[in-house]
């Protein structure tokens, strides 16, 4: 079986990635703050779950089955950190 090759210069065929009006794929997103948190505190038991369409929240589980949850929707990275510090401080009481 003979395979034909096409000369793009003569055929007028332009690969999709080189057509006018196309753009390069977007750059990858920056690392998640939670991943930084996990790296900075390797012995701290933390679980990070990514999900779409779910309200972002922090959940802390303390001794004797006590659990507290805080919504972090619309908060900045620093504000989320402050909420986390509050939850950690509440665990020591």
C-alpha atoms as a PDB file:
ATOM      1  CA  UNK A   1       0.000   0.000   0.000  1.00  0.00           C
ATOM      2  CA  UNK A   2       1.444   3.334  -1.014  1.00  0.00           C
ATOM      3  CA  UNK A   3       1.018   6.321   1.258  1.00  0.00           C
ATOM      4  CA  UNK A   4       0.604   9.722  -0.340  1.00  0.00           C
ATOM      5  CA  UNK A   5       2.152  12.795   1.180  1.00  0.00           C
ATOM      6  CA  UNK A   6       0.764  16.247   0.709  1.00  0.00           C
ATOM      7  CA  UNK A   7       2.882  19.258   0.068  1.00  0.00           C
ATOM      8  CA  UNK A   8       1.236  22.004   2.125  1.00  0.00           C
ATOM      9  CA  UNK A   9       2.875  24.733   0.051  1.00  0.00           C
ATOM     10  CA  UNK A  10       1.074  23.579  -3.109  1.00  0.00           C
ATOM     11  CA  UNK A  11      -2.196  22.307  -1.665  1.00  0.00           C
ATOM     12  CA  UNK A  12      -2.997  25.453   0.297  1.00  0.00           C
ATOM     13  CA  UNK A  13      -3.589  23.365   3.401  1.00  0.00           C
ATOM     14  CA  UNK A  14      -2.651  25.203   6.591  1.00  0.00           C
ATOM     15  CA  UNK A  15      -2.532  23.288   9.877  1.00  0.00           C
ATOM     16  CA  UNK A  16      -5.246  24.344  12.324  1.00  0.00           C
ATOM     17  CA  UNK A  17      -2.742  25.709  14.823  1.00  0.00           C
ATOM     18  CA  UNK A  18      -1.424  28.171  12.222  1.00  0.00           C
ATOM     19  CA  UNK A  19      -4.706  29.486  10.855  1.00  0.00           C
ATOM     20  CA  UNK A  20      -5.432  33.173  11.289  1.00  0.00           C
ATOM     21  CA  UNK A  21      -7.560  33.999  14.293  1.00  0.00           C
ATOM     22  CA  UNK A  22      -6.496  31.052  16.421  1.00  0.00           C
ATOM     23  CA  UNK A  23      -4.736  31.583  19.702  1.00  0.00           C
ATOM     24  CA  UNK A  24      -2.372  29.518  21.759  1.00  0.00           C
ATOM     25  CA  UNK A  25      -3.861  27.508  24.610  1.00  0.00           C
ATOM     26  CA  UNK A  26      -4.137  29.387  27.918  1.00  0.00           C
ATOM     27  CA  UNK A  27      -1.284  29.053  30.387  1.00  0.00           C
ATOM     28  CA  UNK A  28      -1.746  26.579  33.236  1.00  0.00           C
ATOM     29  CA  UNK A  29      -3.400  27.973  36.379  1.00  0.00           C
ATOM     30  CA  UNK A  30      -1.215  29.013  39.312  1.00  0.00           C
ATOM     31  CA  UNK A  31      -0.731  26.479  42.112  1.00  0.00           C
ATOM     32  CA  UNK A  32      -3.618  26.243  44.529  1.00  0.00           C
ATOM     33  CA  UNK A  33      -3.105  27.998  47.879  1.00  0.00           C
ATOM     34  CA  UNK A  34      -4.149  24.773  49.601  1.00  0.00           C
ATOM     35  CA  UNK A  35      -1.268  22.954  47.932  1.00  0.00           C
ATOM     36  CA  UNK A  36       1.113  25.587  49.322  1.00  0.00           C
ATOM     37  CA  UNK A  37      -0.505  25.107  52.732  1.00  0.00           C
ATOM     38  CA  UNK A  38      -0.017  21.353  52.538  1.00  0.00           C
ATOM     39  CA  UNK A  39       3.655  21.738  51.540  1.00  0.00           C
ATOM     40  CA  UNK A  40       4.304  24.218  54.350  1.00  0.00           C
ATOM     41  CA  UNK A  41       2.668  21.931  56.948  1.00  0.00           C
ATOM     42  CA  UNK A  42       3.431  18.329  55.930  1.00  0.00           C
ATOM     43  CA  UNK A  43       2.470  16.900  59.345  1.00  0.00           C
ATOM     44  CA  UNK A  44      -0.801  18.830  59.619  1.00  0.00           C
ATOM     45  CA  UNK A  45      -3.754  16.587  58.696  1.00  0.00           C
ATOM     46  CA  UNK A  46      -5.439  18.486  55.878  1.00  0.00           C
ATOM     47  CA  UNK A  47      -7.561  17.216  53.017  1.00  0.00           C
ATOM     48  CA  UNK A  48      -7.964  19.290  49.850  1.00  0.00           C
ATOM     49  CA  UNK A  49     -10.793  18.505  47.448  1.00  0.00           C
ATOM     50  CA  UNK A  50     -11.467  20.302  44.201  1.00  0.00           C
ATOM     51  CA  UNK A  51     -15.031  20.487  42.905  1.00  0.00           C
ATOM     52  CA  UNK A  52     -17.068  22.620  40.527  1.00  0.00           C
ATOM     53  CA  UNK A  53     -20.414  24.086  41.473  1.00  0.00           C
ATOM     54  CA  UNK A  54     -19.865  23.625  45.207  1.00  0.00           C
ATOM     55  CA  UNK A  55     -19.608  26.427  47.745  1.00  0.00           C
ATOM     56  CA  UNK A  56     -15.975  26.705  48.918  1.00  0.00           C
ATOM     57  CA  UNK A  57     -15.624  26.138  52.646  1.00  0.00           C
ATOM     58  CA  UNK A  58     -13.236  25.169  55.386  1.00  0.00           C
ATOM     59  CA  UNK A  59     -14.250  22.364  57.696  1.00  0.00           C
ATOM     60  CA  UNK A  60     -12.412  21.635  60.944  1.00  0.00           C
ATOM     61  CA  UNK A  61     -12.954  18.511  63.005  1.00  0.00           C
ATOM     62  CA  UNK A  62     -11.999  18.696  66.643  1.00  0.00           C
ATOM     63  CA  UNK A  63     -11.911  16.201  69.508  1.00  0.00           C
ATOM     64  CA  UNK A  64     -15.110  14.466  70.601  1.00  0.00           C
ATOM     65  CA  UNK A  65     -16.749  14.765  67.179  1.00  0.00           C
ATOM     66  CA  UNK A  66     -17.087  18.561  67.203  1.00  0.00           C
ATOM     67  CA  UNK A  67     -17.066  19.981  63.677  1.00  0.00           C
ATOM     68  CA  UNK A  68     -17.125  23.600  62.482  1.00  0.00           C
ATOM     69  CA  UNK A  69     -17.543  24.803  58.890  1.00  0.00           C
ATOM     70  CA  UNK A  70     -16.884  28.282  57.504  1.00  0.00           C
ATOM     71  CA  UNK A  71     -17.839  29.506  54.031  1.00  0.00           C
ATOM     72  CA  UNK A  72     -14.959  31.137  52.169  1.00  0.00           C
ATOM     73  CA  UNK A  73     -16.867  32.091  49.015  1.00  0.00           C
ATOM     74  CA  UNK A  74     -15.609  35.381  47.597  1.00  0.00           C
ATOM     75  CA  UNK A  75     -12.767  35.728  50.102  1.00  0.00           C
ATOM     76  CA  UNK A  76      -9.220  36.600  49.136  1.00  0.00           C
ATOM     77  CA  UNK A  77      -6.284  34.297  49.817  1.00  0.00           C
ATOM     78  CA  UNK A  78      -5.358  36.303  52.927  1.00  0.00           C
ATOM     79  CA  UNK A  79      -8.930  36.245  54.214  1.00  0.00           C
ATOM     80  CA  UNK A  80      -9.096  32.463  53.745  1.00  0.00           C
ATOM     81  CA  UNK A  81      -5.844  32.186  55.713  1.00  0.00           C
ATOM     82  CA  UNK A  82      -7.334  34.301  58.508  1.00  0.00           C
ATOM     83  CA  UNK A  83     -10.422  32.065  58.644  1.00  0.00           C
ATOM     84  CA  UNK A  84      -8.188  29.006  58.820  1.00  0.00           C
ATOM     85  CA  UNK A  85      -6.202  30.551  61.685  1.00  0.00           C
ATOM     86  CA  UNK A  86      -9.475  31.186  63.552  1.00  0.00           C
ATOM     87  CA  UNK A  87     -10.480  27.543  63.146  1.00  0.00           C
ATOM     88  CA  UNK A  88      -7.064  26.344  64.321  1.00  0.00           C
ATOM     89  CA  UNK A  89      -7.190  28.675  67.349  1.00  0.00           C
ATOM     90  CA  UNK A  90     -10.690  27.450  68.233  1.00  0.00           C
ATOM     91  CA  UNK A  91      -9.378  23.879  68.340  1.00  0.00           C
ATOM     92  CA  UNK A  92      -7.051  24.681  71.199  1.00  0.00           C
ATOM     93  CA  UNK A  93      -9.901  25.794  73.469  1.00  0.00           C
END
